[in-house]
Amino acid sequence: MQTELMREDQSRSPKERLRPERPRTDCPILLSQRLVMRAPHEDDIDALAHLANNANIANMVARMPHPYTVADAADFVRRTRAGAIGKCVYAITKADNGAFLGCCGIEPHEDGRTVELGYWLGEPYWNEGYATEAAQTLIDMVFRTRDIEQIDARCRVMNIPSRRVIQKCGFQFQATGMVASLSVGGMVPVEWYRLDRKTWVSLKSWGGMR
């Protein structure tokens, strides 16, 4: 079956391969060179609580409490399984040993044309390219399987590493604004970026998104 699917994909032109297709599953398991991205489950709870209990992460993520407990992690897994958080939430894991690295996901906007990308990685895994690899893998899935026009992403103004990830994925700066931060307990300044389908197709065709 896998061979047949590969032959079918290879028989299509590059432009046809970039067109949206009917998804085989709503939120399929995603594979990249170094990562496996799948739904969070109970076995992730301890690692999730350990990595997420970090003010350096919570202060950069709008809806993460701090301190972050095992109970918070268990509730997060339960709510993701119930579909109460975003549309697709993924655990980012290493392909070679299954280690839990962090999470990413998409959340649809009310306009039906836009989804928002979010992600975080545990501090031990920063500066190794995992965030960019996970984001690009998720972006490809979204544009290939969903009839949406654009993906938004936001980062705190002070979060230079996250800004670099967003820019590496081809997003273009739109504006600055303010969002509520659960861990900070108030509003914080953020930058808003957008990647539209046309730009994504161009980047994929030019080989500019790896």
N, C-alpha and C. Protein backbone atom coordinates (compact mmCIF):
# COMPACT_ATOMS: atom_id res chain seq x y z
N MET A 1 0.83 -1.20 0.00
CA MET A 1 0.00 0.00 0.00
C MET A 1 0.87 1.25 0.00
N GLN A 2 1.92 1.27 0.84
CA GLN A 2 2.78 2.45 0.90
C GLN A 2 3.44 2.70 -0.44
N THR A 3 3.89 1.61 -1.11
CA THR A 3 4.52 1.75 -2.42
C THR A 3 3.55 2.33 -3.43
N GLU A 4 2.30 1.89 -3.38
CA GLU A 4 1.29 2.39 -4.31
C GLU A 4 1.05 3.87 -4.09
N LEU A 5 1.02 4.30 -2.82
CA LEU A 5 0.81 5.71 -2.52
C LEU A 5 1.98 6.54 -3.02
N MET A 6 3.21 6.00 -2.87
CA MET A 6 4.38 6.73 -3.34
C MET A 6 4.35 6.87 -4.85
N ARG A 7 3.96 5.80 -5.56
CA ARG A 7 3.88 5.88 -7.01
C ARG A 7 2.84 6.88 -7.45
N GLU A 8 1.70 6.88 -6.75
CA GLU A 8 0.63 7.83 -7.09
C GLU A 8 1.10 9.26 -6.91
N ASP A 9 1.83 9.54 -5.81
CA ASP A 9 2.31 10.89 -5.56
C ASP A 9 3.36 11.30 -6.59
N GLN A 10 4.25 10.36 -6.97
CA GLN A 10 5.30 10.68 -7.93
C GLN A 10 4.75 10.93 -9.32
N SER A 11 3.56 10.37 -9.61
CA SER A 11 2.97 10.56 -10.93
C SER A 11 2.35 11.93 -11.09
N ARG A 12 2.18 12.65 -9.99
CA ARG A 12 1.57 13.98 -10.04
C ARG A 12 2.65 15.02 -10.23
N SER A 13 2.29 16.13 -10.87
CA SER A 13 3.25 17.20 -11.08
C SER A 13 3.55 17.88 -9.74
N PRO A 14 4.68 18.62 -9.65
CA PRO A 14 5.00 19.31 -8.39
C PRO A 14 3.89 20.23 -7.93
N LYS A 15 3.25 20.94 -8.86
CA LYS A 15 2.17 21.85 -8.45
C LYS A 15 0.98 21.07 -7.91
N GLU A 16 0.67 19.92 -8.52
CA GLU A 16 -0.46 19.12 -8.05
C GLU A 16 -0.20 18.58 -6.65
N ARG A 17 1.07 18.26 -6.37
CA ARG A 17 1.40 17.74 -5.04
C ARG A 17 1.20 18.79 -3.97
N LEU A 18 1.22 20.07 -4.31
CA LEU A 18 1.07 21.14 -3.34
C LEU A 18 -0.38 21.57 -3.15
N ARG A 19 -1.27 21.00 -3.94
CA ARG A 19 -2.69 21.36 -3.80
C ARG A 19 -3.31 20.63 -2.62
N PRO A 20 -4.34 21.23 -1.98
CA PRO A 20 -4.98 20.57 -0.86
C PRO A 20 -5.61 19.25 -1.30
N GLU A 21 -5.46 18.24 -0.45
CA GLU A 21 -6.11 16.96 -0.68
C GLU A 21 -7.04 16.67 0.48
N ARG A 22 -7.96 15.77 0.28
CA ARG A 22 -8.83 15.36 1.35
C ARG A 22 -8.01 14.58 2.38
N PRO A 23 -7.97 15.02 3.62
CA PRO A 23 -7.12 14.35 4.59
C PRO A 23 -7.57 12.93 4.87
N ARG A 24 -6.60 12.01 5.01
CA ARG A 24 -6.94 10.63 5.34
C ARG A 24 -7.37 10.53 6.79
N THR A 25 -6.77 11.34 7.65
CA THR A 25 -7.20 11.46 9.03
C THR A 25 -7.19 12.93 9.38
N ASP A 26 -7.90 13.28 10.44
CA ASP A 26 -8.03 14.69 10.78
C ASP A 26 -6.69 15.28 11.19
N CYS A 27 -5.97 14.58 12.06
CA CYS A 27 -4.66 15.04 12.52
C CYS A 27 -3.68 13.88 12.42
N PRO A 28 -3.15 13.63 11.24
CA PRO A 28 -2.30 12.45 11.05
C PRO A 28 -0.98 12.57 11.78
N ILE A 29 -0.36 11.44 12.08
CA ILE A 29 0.99 11.43 12.61
C ILE A 29 1.91 12.02 11.55
N LEU A 30 2.81 12.90 11.98
CA LEU A 30 3.70 13.59 11.05
C LEU A 30 5.15 13.15 11.30
N LEU A 31 5.86 12.91 10.22
CA LEU A 31 7.25 12.48 10.30
C LEU A 31 8.14 13.49 9.60
N SER A 32 9.29 13.77 10.18
CA SER A 32 10.31 14.59 9.52
C SER A 32 11.65 13.88 9.67
N GLN A 33 12.72 14.52 9.31
CA GLN A 33 14.03 13.87 9.34
C GLN A 33 14.39 13.37 10.73
N ARG A 34 14.09 14.18 11.76
CA ARG A 34 14.51 13.81 13.12
C ARG A 34 13.36 13.63 14.09
N LEU A 35 12.13 13.93 13.65
CA LEU A 35 11.01 14.02 14.58
C LEU A 35 9.85 13.12 14.19
N VAL A 36 9.09 12.72 15.21
CA VAL A 36 7.77 12.14 15.04
C VAL A 36 6.81 13.02 15.83
N MET A 37 5.77 13.50 15.17
CA MET A 37 4.78 14.37 15.81
C MET A 37 3.45 13.63 15.86
N ARG A 38 2.95 13.43 17.06
CA ARG A 38 1.75 12.62 17.27
C ARG A 38 0.94 13.24 18.40
N ALA A 39 -0.25 12.67 18.63
CA ALA A 39 -1.11 13.18 19.69
C ALA A 39 -0.47 12.94 21.06
N PRO A 40 -0.57 13.89 21.97
CA PRO A 40 -0.06 13.66 23.33
C PRO A 40 -0.85 12.54 24.01
N HIS A 41 -0.18 11.76 24.84
CA HIS A 41 -0.87 10.71 25.59
C HIS A 41 -0.31 10.62 27.01
N GLU A 42 -0.88 9.71 27.79
CA GLU A 42 -0.57 9.66 29.22
C GLU A 42 0.91 9.44 29.51
N ASP A 43 1.60 8.72 28.64
CA ASP A 43 3.02 8.46 28.87
C ASP A 43 3.87 9.74 28.79
N ASP A 44 3.30 10.81 28.24
CA ASP A 44 4.03 12.08 28.12
C ASP A 44 3.93 12.94 29.37
N ILE A 45 3.04 12.60 30.28
CA ILE A 45 2.69 13.52 31.36
C ILE A 45 3.90 13.94 32.20
N ASP A 46 4.71 12.98 32.63
CA ASP A 46 5.85 13.32 33.49
C ASP A 46 6.85 14.22 32.76
N ALA A 47 7.18 13.86 31.52
CA ALA A 47 8.14 14.68 30.75
C ALA A 47 7.56 16.05 30.44
N LEU A 48 6.26 16.09 30.14
CA LEU A 48 5.59 17.35 29.86
C LEU A 48 5.66 18.26 31.08
N ALA A 49 5.32 17.73 32.25
CA ALA A 49 5.34 18.53 33.48
C ALA A 49 6.76 19.01 33.79
N HIS A 50 7.73 18.15 33.59
CA HIS A 50 9.12 18.52 33.89
C HIS A 50 9.62 19.65 32.99
N LEU A 51 9.36 19.54 31.69
CA LEU A 51 9.86 20.54 30.75
C LEU A 51 9.07 21.85 30.82
N ALA A 52 7.75 21.74 31.00
CA ALA A 52 6.90 22.93 30.97
C ALA A 52 7.00 23.75 32.27
N ASN A 53 7.48 23.14 33.33
CA ASN A 53 7.60 23.87 34.60
C ASN A 53 8.86 24.73 34.58
N ASN A 54 8.83 25.73 33.71
CA ASN A 54 10.01 26.56 33.45
C ASN A 54 9.50 27.96 33.09
N ALA A 55 9.84 28.93 33.91
CA ALA A 55 9.36 30.30 33.67
C ALA A 55 9.87 30.85 32.34
N ASN A 56 11.03 30.39 31.89
CA ASN A 56 11.55 30.86 30.61
C ASN A 56 10.66 30.46 29.44
N ILE A 57 9.93 29.37 29.61
CA ILE A 57 8.97 28.93 28.59
C ILE A 57 7.61 29.57 28.84
N ALA A 58 7.11 29.45 30.07
CA ALA A 58 5.76 29.94 30.38
C ALA A 58 5.60 31.42 30.06
N ASN A 59 6.62 32.21 30.31
CA ASN A 59 6.52 33.65 30.07
C ASN A 59 6.48 34.00 28.59
N MET A 60 6.81 33.04 27.72
CA MET A 60 6.77 33.28 26.29
C MET A 60 5.55 32.65 25.62
N VAL A 61 4.78 31.88 26.38
CA VAL A 61 3.60 31.18 25.85
C VAL A 61 2.37 31.76 26.53
N ALA A 62 1.38 32.15 25.76
CA ALA A 62 0.27 32.94 26.30
C ALA A 62 -0.54 32.20 27.36
N ARG A 63 -0.77 30.89 27.15
CA ARG A 63 -1.73 30.21 28.02
C ARG A 63 -1.13 29.12 28.88
N MET A 64 0.15 29.22 29.20
CA MET A 64 0.79 28.21 30.06
C MET A 64 0.95 28.75 31.47
N PRO A 65 0.42 28.06 32.47
CA PRO A 65 0.57 28.54 33.85
C PRO A 65 1.99 28.28 34.36
N HIS A 66 2.34 28.99 35.41
CA HIS A 66 3.60 28.72 36.10
C HIS A 66 3.40 29.00 37.58
N PRO A 67 3.76 28.05 38.45
CA PRO A 67 4.36 26.74 38.17
C PRO A 67 3.44 25.82 37.36
N TYR A 68 4.04 24.81 36.72
CA TYR A 68 3.30 23.85 35.90
C TYR A 68 3.48 22.48 36.55
N THR A 69 2.36 21.89 36.98
CA THR A 69 2.40 20.67 37.77
C THR A 69 2.05 19.44 36.94
N VAL A 70 2.23 18.28 37.55
CA VAL A 70 1.81 17.03 36.92
C VAL A 70 0.30 17.06 36.66
N ALA A 71 -0.45 17.65 37.57
CA ALA A 71 -1.90 17.77 37.36
C ALA A 71 -2.21 18.63 36.15
N ASP A 72 -1.45 19.71 35.95
CA ASP A 72 -1.63 20.55 34.76
C ASP A 72 -1.35 19.74 33.50
N ALA A 73 -0.29 18.94 33.53
CA ALA A 73 0.07 18.13 32.37
C ALA A 73 -1.01 17.11 32.07
N ALA A 74 -1.53 16.46 33.10
CA ALA A 74 -2.59 15.46 32.90
C ALA A 74 -3.84 16.11 32.34
N ASP A 75 -4.17 17.30 32.83
CA ASP A 75 -5.34 18.01 32.32
C ASP A 75 -5.14 18.43 30.87
N PHE A 76 -3.92 18.84 30.52
CA PHE A 76 -3.62 19.20 29.14
C PHE A 76 -3.82 18.01 28.20
N VAL A 77 -3.29 16.85 28.59
CA VAL A 77 -3.45 15.66 27.75
C VAL A 77 -4.93 15.30 27.62
N ARG A 78 -5.66 15.37 28.73
CA ARG A 78 -7.09 15.05 28.68
C ARG A 78 -7.84 15.99 27.75
N ARG A 79 -7.56 17.29 27.83
CA ARG A 79 -8.27 18.26 27.01
C ARG A 79 -7.89 18.16 25.53
N THR A 80 -6.62 17.82 25.26
CA THR A 80 -6.26 17.65 23.84
C THR A 80 -6.97 16.45 23.25
N ARG A 81 -7.10 15.37 24.01
CA ARG A 81 -7.80 14.18 23.51
C ARG A 81 -9.28 14.46 23.30
N ALA A 82 -9.83 15.39 24.10
CA ALA A 82 -11.25 15.75 23.96
C ALA A 82 -11.49 16.80 22.89
N GLY A 83 -10.40 17.31 22.28
CA GLY A 83 -10.53 18.33 21.26
C GLY A 83 -10.83 19.70 21.81
N ALA A 84 -10.54 19.92 23.10
CA ALA A 84 -10.86 21.19 23.74
C ALA A 84 -9.75 22.23 23.56
N ILE A 85 -8.61 21.83 23.01
CA ILE A 85 -7.49 22.76 22.81
C ILE A 85 -7.14 22.76 21.33
N GLY A 86 -7.40 23.87 20.66
CA GLY A 86 -7.04 23.99 19.25
C GLY A 86 -7.72 22.95 18.38
N LYS A 87 -7.18 22.73 17.20
CA LYS A 87 -7.72 21.77 16.26
C LYS A 87 -6.84 20.54 16.20
N CYS A 88 -5.55 20.73 16.06
CA CYS A 88 -4.58 19.64 16.09
C CYS A 88 -3.46 20.02 17.04
N VAL A 89 -3.28 19.25 18.08
CA VAL A 89 -2.18 19.46 19.02
C VAL A 89 -1.27 18.25 18.94
N TYR A 90 0.01 18.50 18.79
CA TYR A 90 0.98 17.43 18.62
C TYR A 90 2.02 17.44 19.73
N ALA A 91 2.39 16.24 20.18
CA ALA A 91 3.60 16.07 20.96
C ALA A 91 4.76 15.96 19.98
N ILE A 92 5.80 16.75 20.20
CA ILE A 92 7.01 16.68 19.37
C ILE A 92 7.96 15.70 20.03
N THR A 93 8.31 14.62 19.33
CA THR A 93 9.18 13.60 19.91
C THR A 93 10.33 13.30 18.96
N LYS A 94 11.42 12.80 19.50
CA LYS A 94 12.57 12.43 18.69
C LYS A 94 12.31 11.09 18.01
N ALA A 95 12.65 11.01 16.74
CA ALA A 95 12.40 9.80 15.97
C ALA A 95 13.28 8.64 16.43
N ASP A 96 14.48 8.94 16.93
CA ASP A 96 15.40 7.85 17.25
C ASP A 96 15.14 7.19 18.59
N ASN A 97 14.59 7.94 19.56
CA ASN A 97 14.37 7.33 20.88
C ASN A 97 13.02 7.65 21.51
N GLY A 98 12.18 8.43 20.82
CA GLY A 98 10.85 8.73 21.34
C GLY A 98 10.80 9.78 22.42
N ALA A 99 11.92 10.43 22.71
CA ALA A 99 11.94 11.43 23.79
C ALA A 99 10.97 12.57 23.50
N PHE A 100 10.24 12.98 24.51
CA PHE A 100 9.29 14.10 24.40
C PHE A 100 10.07 15.41 24.47
N LEU A 101 9.87 16.27 23.45
CA LEU A 101 10.60 17.53 23.37
C LEU A 101 9.75 18.75 23.67
N GLY A 102 8.45 18.69 23.36
CA GLY A 102 7.57 19.84 23.51
C GLY A 102 6.29 19.61 22.75
N CYS A 103 5.61 20.69 22.40
CA CYS A 103 4.32 20.58 21.72
C CYS A 103 4.19 21.64 20.63
N CYS A 104 3.35 21.35 19.66
CA CYS A 104 2.97 22.35 18.67
C CYS A 104 1.54 22.06 18.24
N GLY A 105 0.91 23.01 17.58
CA GLY A 105 -0.46 22.78 17.15
C GLY A 105 -0.99 23.95 16.34
N ILE A 106 -2.20 23.78 15.86
CA ILE A 106 -2.89 24.82 15.12
C ILE A 106 -4.25 25.07 15.75
N GLU A 107 -4.71 26.30 15.65
CA GLU A 107 -6.02 26.68 16.16
C GLU A 107 -6.74 27.50 15.09
N PRO A 108 -7.93 27.07 14.67
CA PRO A 108 -8.62 27.80 13.60
C PRO A 108 -9.18 29.13 14.08
N HIS A 109 -9.17 30.13 13.19
CA HIS A 109 -9.83 31.39 13.44
C HIS A 109 -11.29 31.30 13.00
N GLU A 110 -12.09 32.24 13.47
CA GLU A 110 -13.52 32.22 13.16
C GLU A 110 -13.81 32.49 11.69
N ASP A 111 -12.85 33.11 10.97
CA ASP A 111 -13.11 33.44 9.56
C ASP A 111 -13.11 32.21 8.66
N GLY A 112 -12.63 31.05 9.17
CA GLY A 112 -12.62 29.84 8.38
C GLY A 112 -11.53 29.79 7.33
N ARG A 113 -10.73 30.85 7.22
CA ARG A 113 -9.68 30.94 6.20
C ARG A 113 -8.29 30.93 6.81
N THR A 114 -8.22 31.02 8.14
CA THR A 114 -6.95 31.22 8.82
C THR A 114 -6.82 30.26 10.00
N VAL A 115 -5.62 29.73 10.21
CA VAL A 115 -5.31 29.01 11.44
C VAL A 115 -4.10 29.67 12.07
N GLU A 116 -3.97 29.48 13.37
CA GLU A 116 -2.82 30.04 14.09
C GLU A 116 -1.90 28.92 14.53
N LEU A 117 -0.61 29.12 14.31
CA LEU A 117 0.42 28.15 14.68
C LEU A 117 0.99 28.50 16.04
N GLY A 118 1.15 27.48 16.87
CA GLY A 118 1.79 27.67 18.17
C GLY A 118 2.75 26.52 18.45
N TYR A 119 3.77 26.77 19.26
CA TYR A 119 4.75 25.73 19.56
C TYR A 119 5.56 26.13 20.78
N TRP A 120 6.12 25.13 21.44
CA TRP A 120 7.11 25.37 22.48
C TRP A 120 7.98 24.12 22.60
N LEU A 121 9.22 24.31 23.00
CA LEU A 121 10.16 23.22 23.23
C LEU A 121 10.77 23.34 24.61
N GLY A 122 11.05 22.19 25.22
CA GLY A 122 11.76 22.19 26.49
C GLY A 122 13.14 22.81 26.33
N GLU A 123 13.58 23.54 27.36
CA GLU A 123 14.84 24.29 27.25
C GLU A 123 16.05 23.42 26.88
N PRO A 124 16.14 22.16 27.32
CA PRO A 124 17.31 21.35 26.92
C PRO A 124 17.40 21.13 25.41
N TYR A 125 16.32 21.39 24.69
CA TYR A 125 16.29 21.12 23.25
C TYR A 125 16.30 22.40 22.40
N TRP A 126 16.60 23.52 23.02
CA TRP A 126 16.69 24.77 22.28
C TRP A 126 17.97 24.79 21.43
N ASN A 127 17.92 25.61 20.39
CA ASN A 127 19.08 25.89 19.53
C ASN A 127 19.61 24.66 18.79
N GLU A 128 18.72 23.71 18.51
CA GLU A 128 19.10 22.53 17.74
C GLU A 128 18.27 22.38 16.46
N GLY A 129 17.44 23.38 16.15
CA GLY A 129 16.65 23.35 14.93
C GLY A 129 15.37 22.55 15.02
N TYR A 130 15.04 22.02 16.20
CA TYR A 130 13.83 21.21 16.32
C TYR A 130 12.56 22.02 16.12
N ALA A 131 12.53 23.24 16.65
CA ALA A 131 11.32 24.06 16.53
C ALA A 131 11.02 24.38 15.07
N THR A 132 12.05 24.75 14.31
CA THR A 132 11.86 25.04 12.89
C THR A 132 11.42 23.80 12.14
N GLU A 133 12.03 22.66 12.43
CA GLU A 133 11.68 21.41 11.75
C GLU A 133 10.22 21.02 12.04
N ALA A 134 9.81 21.14 13.30
CA ALA A 134 8.44 20.81 13.66
C ALA A 134 7.45 21.78 13.02
N ALA A 135 7.77 23.07 13.06
CA ALA A 135 6.86 24.07 12.49
C ALA A 135 6.69 23.88 11.00
N GLN A 136 7.77 23.64 10.28
CA GLN A 136 7.68 23.47 8.84
C GLN A 136 6.90 22.20 8.48
N THR A 137 7.08 21.15 9.25
CA THR A 137 6.34 19.91 9.01
C THR A 137 4.84 20.13 9.22
N LEU A 138 4.49 20.85 10.26
CA LEU A 138 3.08 21.12 10.53
C LEU A 138 2.49 22.05 9.49
N ILE A 139 3.24 23.05 9.07
CA ILE A 139 2.78 23.98 8.03
C ILE A 139 2.47 23.24 6.73
N ASP A 140 3.37 22.34 6.34
CA ASP A 140 3.15 21.56 5.12
C ASP A 140 1.86 20.76 5.22
N MET A 141 1.63 20.12 6.35
CA MET A 141 0.41 19.34 6.52
C MET A 141 -0.83 20.22 6.39
N VAL A 142 -0.78 21.39 7.02
CA VAL A 142 -1.95 22.28 7.00
C VAL A 142 -2.30 22.71 5.58
N PHE A 143 -1.33 23.19 4.84
CA PHE A 143 -1.62 23.67 3.49
C PHE A 143 -1.98 22.53 2.53
N ARG A 144 -1.45 21.34 2.77
CA ARG A 144 -1.73 20.23 1.86
C ARG A 144 -3.09 19.59 2.12
N THR A 145 -3.59 19.66 3.34
CA THR A 145 -4.79 18.90 3.69
C THR A 145 -5.98 19.77 4.09
N ARG A 146 -5.80 21.08 4.16
CA ARG A 146 -6.90 21.93 4.61
C ARG A 146 -7.11 23.08 3.63
N ASP A 147 -8.36 23.44 3.46
CA ASP A 147 -8.72 24.51 2.53
C ASP A 147 -8.67 25.84 3.27
N ILE A 148 -7.45 26.25 3.64
CA ILE A 148 -7.26 27.53 4.32
C ILE A 148 -6.33 28.39 3.46
N GLU A 149 -6.39 29.69 3.69
CA GLU A 149 -5.63 30.63 2.88
C GLU A 149 -4.34 31.08 3.54
N GLN A 150 -4.29 31.05 4.87
CA GLN A 150 -3.13 31.63 5.54
C GLN A 150 -2.97 31.06 6.95
N ILE A 151 -1.74 31.14 7.43
CA ILE A 151 -1.40 30.72 8.78
C ILE A 151 -0.79 31.91 9.50
N ASP A 152 -1.27 32.19 10.70
CA ASP A 152 -0.73 33.26 11.53
C ASP A 152 0.18 32.68 12.60
N ALA A 153 1.12 33.47 13.06
CA ALA A 153 1.97 33.10 14.19
C ALA A 153 2.32 34.36 14.96
N ARG A 154 2.46 34.24 16.25
CA ARG A 154 2.79 35.38 17.09
C ARG A 154 3.90 34.99 18.06
N CYS A 155 4.70 35.97 18.41
CA CYS A 155 5.73 35.74 19.42
C CYS A 155 5.90 37.01 20.22
N ARG A 156 6.37 36.86 21.45
CA ARG A 156 6.65 38.05 22.25
C ARG A 156 7.77 38.85 21.60
N VAL A 157 7.69 40.15 21.73
CA VAL A 157 8.67 41.04 21.10
C VAL A 157 10.09 40.68 21.53
N MET A 158 10.26 40.25 22.76
CA MET A 158 11.60 39.93 23.28
C MET A 158 12.07 38.52 22.89
N ASN A 159 11.20 37.72 22.28
CA ASN A 159 11.53 36.32 22.01
C ASN A 159 12.22 36.19 20.65
N ILE A 160 13.49 36.52 20.61
CA ILE A 160 14.25 36.50 19.36
C ILE A 160 14.34 35.11 18.75
N PRO A 161 14.59 34.04 19.51
CA PRO A 161 14.65 32.70 18.89
C PRO A 161 13.35 32.30 18.21
N SER A 162 12.19 32.61 18.83
CA SER A 162 10.92 32.27 18.21
C SER A 162 10.70 33.08 16.94
N ARG A 163 11.10 34.35 16.97
CA ARG A 163 11.00 35.17 15.77
C ARG A 163 11.80 34.56 14.62
N ARG A 164 12.99 34.04 14.93
CA ARG A 164 13.82 33.42 13.90
C ARG A 164 13.14 32.19 13.31
N VAL A 165 12.52 31.39 14.16
CA VAL A 165 11.78 30.21 13.67
C VAL A 165 10.69 30.64 12.71
N ILE A 166 9.91 31.63 13.11
CA ILE A 166 8.81 32.12 12.29
C ILE A 166 9.31 32.63 10.95
N GLN A 167 10.39 33.39 10.97
CA GLN A 167 10.93 33.94 9.73
C GLN A 167 11.52 32.86 8.84
N LYS A 168 12.17 31.85 9.43
CA LYS A 168 12.71 30.74 8.64
C LYS A 168 11.60 29.98 7.92
N CYS A 169 10.42 30.00 8.48
CA CYS A 169 9.28 29.30 7.87
C CYS A 169 8.59 30.14 6.79
N GLY A 170 9.07 31.35 6.55
CA GLY A 170 8.55 32.17 5.47
C GLY A 170 7.47 33.17 5.85
N PHE A 171 7.17 33.29 7.14
CA PHE A 171 6.15 34.24 7.58
C PHE A 171 6.63 35.67 7.38
N GLN A 172 5.67 36.55 7.11
CA GLN A 172 5.95 37.96 6.91
C GLN A 172 5.34 38.78 8.05
N PHE A 173 6.10 39.76 8.52
CA PHE A 173 5.64 40.61 9.62
C PHE A 173 4.38 41.38 9.21
N GLN A 174 3.40 41.44 10.13
CA GLN A 174 2.15 42.15 9.89
C GLN A 174 1.98 43.36 10.81
N ALA A 175 2.16 43.16 12.11
CA ALA A 175 1.90 44.25 13.06
C ALA A 175 2.36 43.84 14.45
N THR A 176 2.31 44.79 15.36
CA THR A 176 2.52 44.49 16.77
C THR A 176 1.19 44.63 17.49
N GLY A 177 1.10 44.04 18.67
CA GLY A 177 -0.13 44.11 19.43
C GLY A 177 0.11 43.65 20.86
N MET A 178 -0.97 43.45 21.59
CA MET A 178 -0.90 43.01 22.97
C MET A 178 -1.78 41.77 23.14
N VAL A 179 -1.29 40.79 23.91
CA VAL A 179 -2.07 39.61 24.24
C VAL A 179 -1.94 39.34 25.73
N ALA A 180 -2.91 38.62 26.27
CA ALA A 180 -2.88 38.26 27.67
C ALA A 180 -1.92 37.09 27.90
N SER A 181 -1.13 37.17 28.95
CA SER A 181 -0.21 36.10 29.32
C SER A 181 -0.62 35.55 30.68
N LEU A 182 -0.90 34.25 30.72
CA LEU A 182 -1.36 33.63 31.96
C LEU A 182 -0.27 33.65 33.02
N SER A 183 0.95 33.34 32.65
CA SER A 183 2.02 33.27 33.65
C SER A 183 2.44 34.66 34.13
N VAL A 184 2.44 35.63 33.23
CA VAL A 184 2.81 37.00 33.60
C VAL A 184 1.70 37.67 34.39
N GLY A 185 0.46 37.28 34.08
CA GLY A 185 -0.68 37.86 34.78
C GLY A 185 -1.10 39.21 34.25
N GLY A 186 -0.88 39.44 32.96
CA GLY A 186 -1.27 40.70 32.34
C GLY A 186 -1.03 40.66 30.85
N MET A 187 -1.08 41.82 30.24
CA MET A 187 -0.89 41.93 28.80
C MET A 187 0.60 42.09 28.48
N VAL A 188 1.01 41.48 27.38
CA VAL A 188 2.41 41.58 26.95
C VAL A 188 2.44 41.92 25.46
N PRO A 189 3.48 42.64 25.00
CA PRO A 189 3.58 43.00 23.59
C PRO A 189 4.04 41.81 22.75
N VAL A 190 3.41 41.66 21.57
CA VAL A 190 3.75 40.57 20.66
C VAL A 190 3.88 41.09 19.24
N GLU A 191 4.55 40.31 18.41
CA GLU A 191 4.61 40.56 16.98
C GLU A 191 3.76 39.53 16.27
N TRP A 192 3.05 39.99 15.25
CA TRP A 192 2.13 39.15 14.48
C TRP A 192 2.71 38.94 13.09
N TYR A 193 2.79 37.66 12.69
CA TYR A 193 3.32 37.28 11.37
C TYR A 193 2.28 36.44 10.63
N ARG A 194 2.41 36.40 9.29
CA ARG A 194 1.46 35.64 8.47
C ARG A 194 2.18 34.98 7.30
N LEU A 195 1.80 33.75 7.00
CA LEU A 195 2.26 33.02 5.82
C LEU A 195 1.04 32.64 5.00
N ASP A 196 0.93 33.15 3.76
CA ASP A 196 -0.22 32.79 2.93
C ASP A 196 0.14 31.64 2.00
N ARG A 197 -0.89 31.04 1.44
CA ARG A 197 -0.69 29.85 0.62
C ARG A 197 0.21 30.12 -0.59
N LYS A 198 0.02 31.26 -1.23
CA LYS A 198 0.81 31.58 -2.42
C LYS A 198 2.29 31.64 -2.08
N THR A 199 2.63 32.26 -0.96
CA THR A 199 4.03 32.35 -0.55
C THR A 199 4.58 30.97 -0.22
N TRP A 200 3.78 30.15 0.46
CA TRP A 200 4.21 28.79 0.80
C TRP A 200 4.50 27.97 -0.46
N VAL A 201 3.61 28.05 -1.44
CA VAL A 201 3.82 27.31 -2.69
C VAL A 201 5.12 27.77 -3.35
N SER A 202 5.35 29.07 -3.36
CA SER A 202 6.57 29.60 -3.98
C SER A 202 7.81 29.10 -3.25
N LEU A 203 7.78 29.14 -1.92
CA LEU A 203 8.93 28.69 -1.14
C LEU A 203 9.20 27.21 -1.35
N LYS A 204 8.15 26.40 -1.40
CA LYS A 204 8.33 24.97 -1.63
C LYS A 204 8.88 24.71 -3.03
N SER A 205 8.38 25.45 -4.01
CA SER A 205 8.83 25.27 -5.40
C SER A 205 10.28 25.69 -5.57
N TRP A 206 10.68 26.74 -4.83
CA TRP A 206 12.06 27.26 -4.95
C TRP A 206 13.02 26.50 -4.04
N GLY A 207 12.49 25.62 -3.21
CA GLY A 207 13.36 24.94 -2.27
C GLY A 207 13.81 25.82 -1.13
N GLY A 208 13.03 26.87 -0.85
CA GLY A 208 13.42 27.82 0.18
C GLY A 208 12.90 27.50 1.55
N MET A 209 12.22 26.35 1.70
CA MET A 209 11.66 25.99 3.01
C MET A 209 12.09 24.57 3.32
N ARG A 210 13.06 24.40 4.18
CA ARG A 210 13.59 23.08 4.49
C ARG A 210 13.46 22.81 5.97
